[in-house]
Protein backbone atom coordinates (compact mmCIF):
# COMPACT_ATOMS: atom_id res chain seq x y z
CA UNK A 1 47.22 -47.46 25.48
CA UNK A 2 50.39 -45.38 25.78
CA UNK A 3 49.13 -43.04 23.05
CA UNK A 4 45.85 -42.64 24.95
CA UNK A 5 47.75 -41.66 28.10
CA UNK A 6 49.79 -39.08 26.20
CA UNK A 7 46.66 -37.56 24.68
CA UNK A 8 44.99 -37.46 28.10
CA UNK A 9 48.03 -35.80 29.65
CA UNK A 10 48.17 -33.22 26.87
CA UNK A 11 44.47 -32.49 27.33
CA UNK A 12 44.96 -31.92 31.04
CA UNK A 13 47.83 -29.52 30.37
CA UNK A 14 45.73 -27.55 27.87
CA UNK A 15 42.79 -27.40 30.29
CA UNK A 16 45.04 -26.22 33.07
CA UNK A 17 46.49 -23.53 30.85
CA UNK A 18 43.01 -22.35 29.89
CA UNK A 19 41.52 -22.48 33.39
CA UNK A 20 39.99 -19.24 34.77
CA UNK A 21 42.47 -19.18 37.65
CA UNK A 22 45.43 -19.31 35.28
CA UNK A 23 43.96 -16.58 33.10
CA UNK A 24 43.18 -14.40 36.12
CA UNK A 25 46.71 -14.80 37.45
CA UNK A 26 48.16 -13.84 34.07
CA UNK A 27 45.90 -10.79 33.83
CA UNK A 28 46.74 -9.73 37.38
CA UNK A 29 50.44 -9.85 36.49
CA UNK A 30 49.71 -7.66 33.48
CA UNK A 31 47.76 -5.24 35.68
CA UNK A 32 50.70 -4.83 38.03
CA UNK A 33 53.14 -4.30 35.18
CA UNK A 34 50.90 -1.74 33.49
CA UNK A 35 50.33 0.08 36.78
CA UNK A 36 54.08 0.48 37.28
CA UNK A 37 54.21 1.88 33.76
CA UNK A 38 51.37 4.31 34.66
CA UNK A 39 49.16 2.85 31.93
CA UNK A 40 46.07 3.26 34.10
CA UNK A 41 43.38 2.90 31.43
CA UNK A 42 44.92 -0.39 30.32
CA UNK A 43 45.04 -1.56 33.94
CA UNK A 44 41.30 -1.04 34.13
CA UNK A 45 40.77 -2.89 30.86
CA UNK A 46 42.58 -5.92 32.27
CA UNK A 47 40.64 -5.59 35.49
CA UNK A 48 37.36 -5.76 33.57
CA UNK A 49 38.54 -9.07 32.11
CA UNK A 50 39.54 -10.34 35.55
CA UNK A 51 36.18 -9.31 36.97
CA UNK A 52 34.28 -11.07 34.17
CA UNK A 53 36.26 -14.28 34.68
CA UNK A 54 35.77 -14.17 38.43
CA UNK A 55 32.01 -13.80 38.02
CA UNK A 56 31.86 -16.59 35.45
CA UNK A 57 33.98 -18.93 37.56
CA UNK A 58 32.39 -17.78 40.85
CA UNK A 59 35.84 -16.85 42.11
CA UNK A 60 36.49 -14.03 44.60
CA UNK A 61 38.54 -11.01 43.60
CA UNK A 62 41.67 -10.61 45.70
CA UNK A 63 42.14 -7.45 47.75
CA UNK A 64 45.47 -6.91 45.98
CA UNK A 65 43.74 -6.85 42.59
CA UNK A 66 40.98 -4.56 43.85
CA UNK A 67 43.59 -2.22 45.28
CA UNK A 68 45.53 -1.93 42.01
CA UNK A 69 42.28 -1.29 40.13
CA UNK A 70 41.09 1.26 42.73
CA UNK A 71 44.38 3.15 42.49
CA UNK A 72 44.33 3.08 38.68
CA UNK A 73 40.74 4.38 38.62
CA UNK A 74 41.72 7.20 40.97
CA UNK A 75 44.73 8.15 38.85
CA UNK A 76 42.45 8.15 35.78
CA UNK A 77 40.06 10.57 37.47
CA UNK A 78 37.31 7.95 37.73
CA UNK A 79 36.60 8.68 41.39
CA UNK A 80 33.24 6.91 41.47
CA UNK A 81 34.71 3.61 40.31
CA UNK A 82 37.68 4.04 42.61
CA UNK A 83 35.41 4.67 45.60
CA UNK A 84 33.35 1.58 44.82
CA UNK A 85 36.47 -0.58 44.52
CA UNK A 86 37.95 0.71 47.78
CA UNK A 87 34.72 -0.21 49.56
CA UNK A 88 35.14 -3.84 48.45
CA UNK A 89 38.62 -4.18 49.99
CA UNK A 90 38.47 -6.00 53.32
CA UNK A 91 42.09 -5.78 54.48
CA UNK A 92 43.37 -2.62 56.18
CA UNK A 93 44.65 0.14 53.92
CA UNK A 94 47.93 1.93 54.52
CA UNK A 95 48.15 5.69 55.00
CA UNK A 96 48.70 6.56 51.35
CA UNK A 97 45.74 4.53 50.13
CA UNK A 98 43.53 5.88 52.92
CA UNK A 99 44.36 9.39 51.73
CA UNK A 100 43.45 8.36 48.19
CA UNK A 101 40.14 6.85 49.31
CA UNK A 102 39.29 10.03 51.19
CA UNK A 103 40.23 12.14 48.17
CA UNK A 104 37.72 10.18 46.08
CA UNK A 105 34.92 11.24 48.40
CA UNK A 106 36.14 14.84 48.35
CA UNK A 107 36.16 14.90 44.55
CA UNK A 108 32.69 13.38 44.47
CA UNK A 109 31.37 16.03 46.87
CA UNK A 110 30.15 13.47 49.43
CA UNK A 111 30.85 15.72 52.41
CA UNK A 112 28.97 13.82 55.13
CA UNK A 113 30.35 10.49 53.93
CA UNK A 114 33.88 11.88 53.80
CA UNK A 115 33.58 13.30 57.31
CA UNK A 116 32.50 9.89 58.61
CA UNK A 117 35.37 8.29 56.68
CA UNK A 118 37.97 10.46 58.41
CA UNK A 119 36.39 9.94 61.82
CA UNK A 120 36.69 6.18 61.29
CA UNK A 121 40.16 6.11 59.76
CA UNK A 122 42.14 8.91 61.40
CA UNK A 123 43.35 6.59 64.21
CA UNK A 124 44.95 4.38 61.54
CA UNK A 125 47.13 7.15 60.17
CA UNK A 126 50.69 7.11 61.46
CA UNK A 127 52.50 9.66 59.27
CA UNK A 128 52.25 13.20 60.59
CA UNK A 129 51.65 14.64 57.10
CA UNK A 130 48.71 12.29 56.57
CA UNK A 131 47.25 13.19 59.96
CA UNK A 132 47.50 16.91 59.28
CA UNK A 133 45.85 16.51 55.88
CA UNK A 134 43.02 14.52 57.43
CA UNK A 135 42.53 17.06 60.22
CA UNK A 136 42.42 19.86 57.63
CA UNK A 137 39.70 17.98 55.78
CA UNK A 138 37.77 17.41 59.01
CA UNK A 139 38.00 21.12 59.81
CA UNK A 140 36.92 22.16 56.30
CA UNK A 141 34.04 19.68 56.25
CA UNK A 142 32.73 20.79 59.64
CA UNK A 143 32.83 24.38 58.44
CA UNK A 144 31.14 23.44 55.16
CA UNK A 145 28.40 21.49 56.96
CA UNK A 146 27.82 24.28 59.49
CA UNK A 147 29.09 22.36 62.51
CA UNK A 148 31.16 25.28 63.75
CA UNK A 149 31.70 24.06 67.31
CA UNK A 150 33.20 20.85 65.93
CA UNK A 151 35.39 22.83 63.53
CA UNK A 152 36.64 24.96 66.43
CA UNK A 153 37.46 21.79 68.36
CA UNK A 154 39.71 20.58 65.50
CA UNK A 155 41.47 23.94 65.12
CA UNK A 156 44.05 23.47 67.95
CA UNK A 157 45.48 20.56 65.95
CA UNK A 158 46.10 22.88 62.99
CA UNK A 159 46.93 26.31 64.39
CA UNK A 160 50.69 25.72 64.28
CA UNK A 161 50.64 25.54 60.47
CA UNK A 162 50.66 29.34 60.08
CA UNK A 163 48.71 29.06 56.81
CA UNK A 164 46.88 32.37 56.09
CA UNK A 165 44.01 30.74 54.18
CA UNK A 166 43.51 28.12 56.88
CA UNK A 167 43.69 30.82 59.55
CA UNK A 168 41.06 32.82 57.69
CA UNK A 169 38.78 29.78 57.64
CA UNK A 170 39.07 29.74 61.44
CA UNK A 171 38.27 33.48 61.50
CA UNK A 172 35.02 32.66 59.67
CA UNK A 173 34.28 29.86 62.16
CA UNK A 174 34.84 32.20 65.13
CA UNK A 175 32.64 34.81 63.48
CA UNK A 176 29.85 32.25 63.09
CA UNK A 177 30.23 31.41 66.78
CA UNK A 178 29.92 35.14 67.56
CA UNK A 179 33.45 35.26 68.99
CA UNK A 180 34.28 38.60 67.40
CA UNK A 181 37.27 39.55 69.54
CA UNK A 182 38.98 36.19 68.92
CA UNK A 183 38.18 36.44 65.22
CA UNK A 184 39.69 39.95 64.98
CA UNK A 185 42.81 38.91 66.88
CA UNK A 186 43.41 35.97 64.55
CA UNK A 187 42.56 38.13 61.55
CA UNK A 188 45.28 40.59 62.56
CA UNK A 189 47.74 37.69 62.77
CA UNK A 190 46.89 36.81 59.17
CA UNK A 191 47.65 40.36 58.04
CA UNK A 192 50.99 40.15 59.86
CA UNK A 193 51.83 37.08 57.76
CA UNK A 194 50.22 38.35 54.54
CA UNK A 195 49.28 42.03 54.47
CA UNK A 196 47.49 41.59 51.12
CA UNK A 197 45.23 38.72 52.17
CA UNK A 198 41.97 39.83 50.59
CA UNK A 199 39.65 37.91 52.89
CA UNK A 200 41.34 39.20 56.02
CA UNK A 201 41.43 42.78 54.73
CA UNK A 202 37.74 42.74 53.95
CA UNK A 203 36.78 41.05 57.23
CA UNK A 204 38.49 43.84 59.18
CA UNK A 205 37.16 46.60 56.91
CA UNK A 206 33.62 45.23 57.12
CA UNK A 207 33.85 44.96 60.90
CA UNK A 208 34.98 48.57 61.42
CA UNK A 209 32.59 49.94 58.81
CA UNK A 210 29.54 48.33 60.41
CA UNK A 211 30.74 49.15 63.92
CA UNK A 212 31.01 52.81 62.90
CA UNK A 213 27.78 52.84 60.90
CA UNK A 214 25.71 51.25 63.67
CA UNK A 215 27.25 53.62 66.22
CA UNK A 216 26.50 56.58 63.92
CA UNK A 217 22.87 55.54 63.50
CA UNK A 218 22.44 55.09 67.27
CA UNK A 219 23.87 58.52 68.05
CA UNK A 220 21.78 60.23 65.37
CA UNK A 221 18.65 58.55 66.73
CA UNK A 222 19.45 59.79 70.25
CA UNK A 223 20.08 63.32 69.00
CA UNK A 224 16.92 63.47 66.87
CA UNK A 225 14.82 62.45 69.86
CA UNK A 226 15.97 65.50 71.81
CA UNK A 227 17.82 67.98 69.61
CA UNK A 228 19.34 70.86 71.62
CA UNK A 229 22.67 72.51 72.20
CA UNK A 230 23.75 70.00 74.87
CA UNK A 231 22.84 66.92 72.85
CA UNK A 232 24.48 68.45 69.76
CA UNK A 233 27.73 68.96 71.65
CA UNK A 234 27.58 65.33 72.82
CA UNK A 235 26.86 64.20 69.23
CA UNK A 236 29.88 66.06 67.86
CA UNK A 237 32.11 64.45 70.47
CA UNK A 238 30.85 60.96 69.58
CA UNK A 239 31.12 61.60 65.83
CA UNK A 240 34.82 62.28 66.26
CA UNK A 241 35.23 58.84 67.83
CA UNK A 242 33.09 57.24 65.14
CA UNK A 243 35.21 58.88 62.44
CA UNK A 244 38.25 56.99 63.74
CA UNK A 245 36.56 53.67 62.93
CA UNK A 246 35.39 54.94 59.55
CA UNK A 247 38.96 55.96 58.73
CA UNK A 248 40.21 52.50 59.69
CA UNK A 249 37.62 50.99 57.34
CA UNK A 250 38.52 53.50 54.62
CA UNK A 251 42.23 52.68 54.68
CA UNK A 252 41.50 48.96 54.38
CA UNK A 253 38.92 49.47 51.64
CA UNK A 254 41.30 51.63 49.65
CA UNK A 255 43.87 48.84 49.80
CA UNK A 256 41.23 46.34 48.66
CA UNK A 257 40.25 48.69 45.84
CA UNK A 258 43.85 48.76 44.68
CA UNK A 259 43.92 44.97 44.66
CA UNK A 260 40.55 44.67 42.86
CA UNK A 261 39.70 47.96 41.09
CA UNK A 262 36.64 46.47 39.35
CA UNK A 263 35.08 44.98 42.49
CA UNK A 264 31.68 46.68 42.87
CA UNK A 265 31.39 45.66 46.53
CA UNK A 266 34.56 47.51 47.51
CA UNK A 267 33.59 50.57 45.47
CA UNK A 268 30.15 50.65 47.12
CA UNK A 269 31.67 50.48 50.58
CA UNK A 270 34.03 53.32 49.69
CA UNK A 271 31.12 55.49 48.50
CA UNK A 272 29.43 55.14 51.90
CA UNK A 273 32.66 55.50 53.89
CA UNK A 274 33.76 58.64 52.05
CA UNK A 275 30.27 60.08 52.53
CA UNK A 276 30.39 59.52 56.30
CA UNK A 277 33.85 61.13 56.45
CA UNK A 278 32.54 64.08 54.39
CA UNK A 279 35.08 63.38 51.64
CA UNK A 280 32.69 64.62 48.97
CA UNK A 281 35.02 64.62 45.96
CA UNK A 282 36.16 61.08 46.67
CA UNK A 283 32.58 59.94 47.30
CA UNK A 284 31.40 61.41 43.98
CA UNK A 285 34.30 59.83 42.10
CA UNK A 286 33.42 56.42 43.56
CA UNK A 287 29.73 56.92 42.78
CA UNK A 288 30.60 57.59 39.15
CA UNK A 289 32.87 54.56 39.05
CA UNK A 290 30.21 52.35 40.61
CA UNK A 291 27.67 53.45 38.03
CA UNK A 292 30.13 52.79 35.22
CA UNK A 293 30.80 49.29 36.57
CA UNK A 294 27.08 48.59 36.75
CA UNK A 295 26.64 49.73 33.15
CA UNK A 296 29.31 47.38 31.83
């Protein structure tokens, strides 16, 4: 009888040691250890075992286990798996993990979903750096999705950053909203911070070139309707003013050409600008260069 009891007790101990819960706990401990060691692929291997046992034993996965697996998947570059795992977590995420969950959606190119994610979770962010990063993503996503009014509404939360690229993104937003004067003012601020910012240089050059070209075409149309000495005198006066804008465009385009000598767009603009300023030698040189670039 005593032997029977000992055998029964031993059997119970073996069963307990082999129970799914015990195995899951052991694997979860391994996951945590491997995560601290940055062995992310091995973390996910253990997680697959945990998941299989939980399905077999009809046991729920803990949020802590899902979180470790989600973070490991993210660090491994498996953003799809990480996103799916984050969605299964029911407890609130801290700022760092919220940033990681948002980054998954960014990497996966799910713009509308990411925008909704930040709208839902921004109030939960407490660290200023996290908030600023989230606002930058909101701004970029609104711009990307063409919701320019919404992007402009986020801008006041970012304008203190003094980041030339971010400022230029706002220039593009203002341009889309047809707020040219505001766009030019901000664009000039960029060039004060970074006088070689290619986007800002071209925005200003393009603005003055088209302003001058449209003005030139209007004045030539007026003159051709009624060509006489008086209208010719008026035309010459206006052309002098127009030339000022063409020279502004020229100076900017020449700087862009120095930065990107092989850029066909800049060379083409210079051909037209030199032509309008009657700089024939320069115009011919740029024409030849443009043709050579096209033949490459």
